[in-house]
Protein backbone atom coordinates (compact mmCIF):
# COMPACT_ATOMS: atom_id res chain seq x y z
CA GLN A 1 2.35 60.40 101.90
CA VAL A 2 -0.71 58.73 102.50
CA GLN A 3 -2.04 56.82 99.97
CA PHE A 4 -5.08 53.80 99.50
CA VAL A 5 -4.90 50.83 97.09
CA GLU A 6 -8.32 49.71 96.30
CA SER A 7 -8.94 46.24 95.01
CA GLY A 8 -12.13 43.64 94.28
CA GLY A 9 -14.45 45.30 91.61
CA GLY A 10 -15.67 43.83 88.93
CA LEU A 11 -18.76 42.73 86.75
CA VAL A 12 -21.01 40.26 88.66
CA LEU A 13 -24.43 39.05 88.15
CA PRO A 14 -27.51 39.77 90.13
CA GLY A 15 -27.57 38.14 93.31
CA GLY A 16 -23.68 37.65 93.25
CA SER A 17 -20.93 38.40 95.84
CA LEU A 18 -17.88 40.94 95.64
CA ARG A 19 -15.30 41.96 98.50
CA LEU A 20 -13.60 45.02 97.73
CA SER A 21 -10.07 46.04 99.74
CA CYS A 22 -8.70 48.99 100.93
CA ALA A 23 -5.12 49.15 102.14
CA ALA A 24 -3.42 52.17 103.41
CA SER A 25 0.80 53.18 103.38
CA GLY A 26 2.51 55.89 104.07
CA SER A 27 0.67 56.50 107.82
CA ARG A 28 2.11 55.32 111.11
CA PHE A 29 -1.11 55.91 112.77
CA ILE A 30 -4.34 53.93 112.80
CA PHE A 31 -7.28 55.89 110.92
CA TYR A 32 -10.01 56.96 113.19
CA ALA A 33 -12.63 55.96 110.67
CA MET A 34 -12.28 54.16 107.34
CA GLY A 35 -15.37 53.13 104.91
CA TRP A 36 -16.78 53.59 101.63
CA TYR A 37 -18.62 55.93 99.19
CA LEU A 38 -20.35 54.98 95.97
CA GLN A 39 -21.07 57.22 92.93
CA ALA A 40 -23.03 56.27 90.25
CA LEU A 41 -23.03 57.50 86.89
CA GLY A 42 -24.44 61.35 86.88
CA LYS A 43 -25.11 61.08 90.80
CA GLN A 44 -23.72 62.60 93.86
CA ARG A 45 -21.41 60.46 96.04
CA GLU A 46 -22.89 58.67 98.98
CA LEU A 47 -21.66 56.98 101.88
CA VAL A 48 -21.99 53.06 101.91
CA ALA A 49 -20.88 51.76 105.06
CA SER A 50 -18.19 52.82 107.44
CA ILE A 51 -16.20 51.28 110.83
CA ILE A 52 -14.25 53.20 113.51
CA SER A 53 -10.82 51.99 114.73
CA GLY A 54 -13.19 50.49 117.81
CA GLY A 55 -15.07 48.11 115.30
CA SER A 56 -18.49 50.19 115.25
CA THR A 57 -20.20 50.23 112.05
CA ASN A 58 -22.62 52.12 109.91
CA TYR A 59 -24.57 50.96 106.69
CA VAL A 60 -27.19 53.22 104.50
CA ASP A 61 -30.10 51.49 104.52
CA SER A 62 -30.11 50.46 101.16
CA VAL A 63 -27.20 48.03 101.98
CA LYS A 64 -28.00 46.62 105.38
CA GLY A 65 -28.30 42.80 105.65
CA ARG A 66 -25.99 42.90 102.25
CA PHE A 67 -23.02 44.21 103.13
CA THR A 68 -20.60 43.99 105.81
CA ILE A 69 -17.63 46.28 106.19
CA SER A 70 -14.39 45.34 108.31
CA ARG A 71 -10.79 46.29 109.03
CA ASP A 72 -7.68 44.98 110.21
CA ASN A 73 -6.00 47.62 111.84
CA ALA A 74 -2.56 46.52 112.27
CA LYS A 75 -2.26 46.49 108.73
CA ASN A 76 -4.57 49.78 108.04
CA THR A 77 -7.01 47.70 105.60
CA ALA A 78 -10.86 47.95 105.29
CA PHE A 79 -12.74 45.26 103.42
CA LEU A 80 -16.39 45.44 102.57
CA GLN A 81 -17.93 42.42 101.72
CA MET A 82 -20.92 42.86 99.28
CA ASN A 83 -23.79 39.89 99.01
CA ALA A 84 -26.73 39.88 97.35
CA LEU A 85 -25.77 42.49 94.94
CA LYS A 86 -28.29 44.33 92.73
CA THR A 87 -28.14 46.36 89.63
CA GLU A 88 -28.48 49.64 91.51
CA ASP A 89 -25.17 48.69 93.35
CA THR A 90 -23.49 49.46 90.34
CA ALA A 91 -21.41 52.65 91.20
CA VAL A 92 -17.33 53.46 91.25
CA TYR A 93 -16.87 52.93 94.81
CA TYR A 94 -14.12 55.23 96.79
CA CYS A 95 -12.76 54.02 100.12
CA TYR A 96 -11.45 56.42 102.50
CA GLY A 97 -9.55 56.77 105.59
CA ASP A 98 -9.92 60.12 108.32
CA LEU A 99 -6.81 60.87 110.37
CA PHE A 100 -6.52 64.05 112.53
CA SER A 101 -4.60 65.59 109.43
CA GLY A 102 -7.68 65.12 107.28
CA ARG A 103 -9.45 62.37 104.86
CA TYR A 104 -7.61 60.58 102.40
CA TRP A 105 -9.38 58.74 99.71
CA GLY A 106 -8.37 55.95 97.27
CA GLN A 107 -8.50 55.92 93.42
CA GLY A 108 -11.99 54.23 93.09
CA THR A 109 -12.97 50.84 91.57
CA GLN A 110 -16.15 50.01 89.00
CA VAL A 111 -18.69 47.51 90.36
CA THR A 112 -20.91 46.58 87.67
CA VAL A 113 -23.71 44.34 88.81
CA SER A 114 -25.60 43.38 85.30
CA SER A 115 -27.02 39.94 83.72
């Protein structure tokens, strides 16, 4: 059974940094795409960043230049380096991975940016 374990969330001051990790287990195959969505309180889930197995990346405009997504295909693990964090980045961040069999989700990790 495919499972993701997320880590790296927490409380940080505005302007600070966090690094999220998303480690997959239970799959013999490399995920075609991996990434993160965020869901702020009372709002819909929205895509933050994604990366395909070949390395191409995509970001929502609000995080370009501040967030960097990367992955280690050998370990089926993705990373989201978040710099220059803003209060509006506060949300639960959910990682995902796409296989031929469908999309799989992590349990979510809380990121709170506050002074």
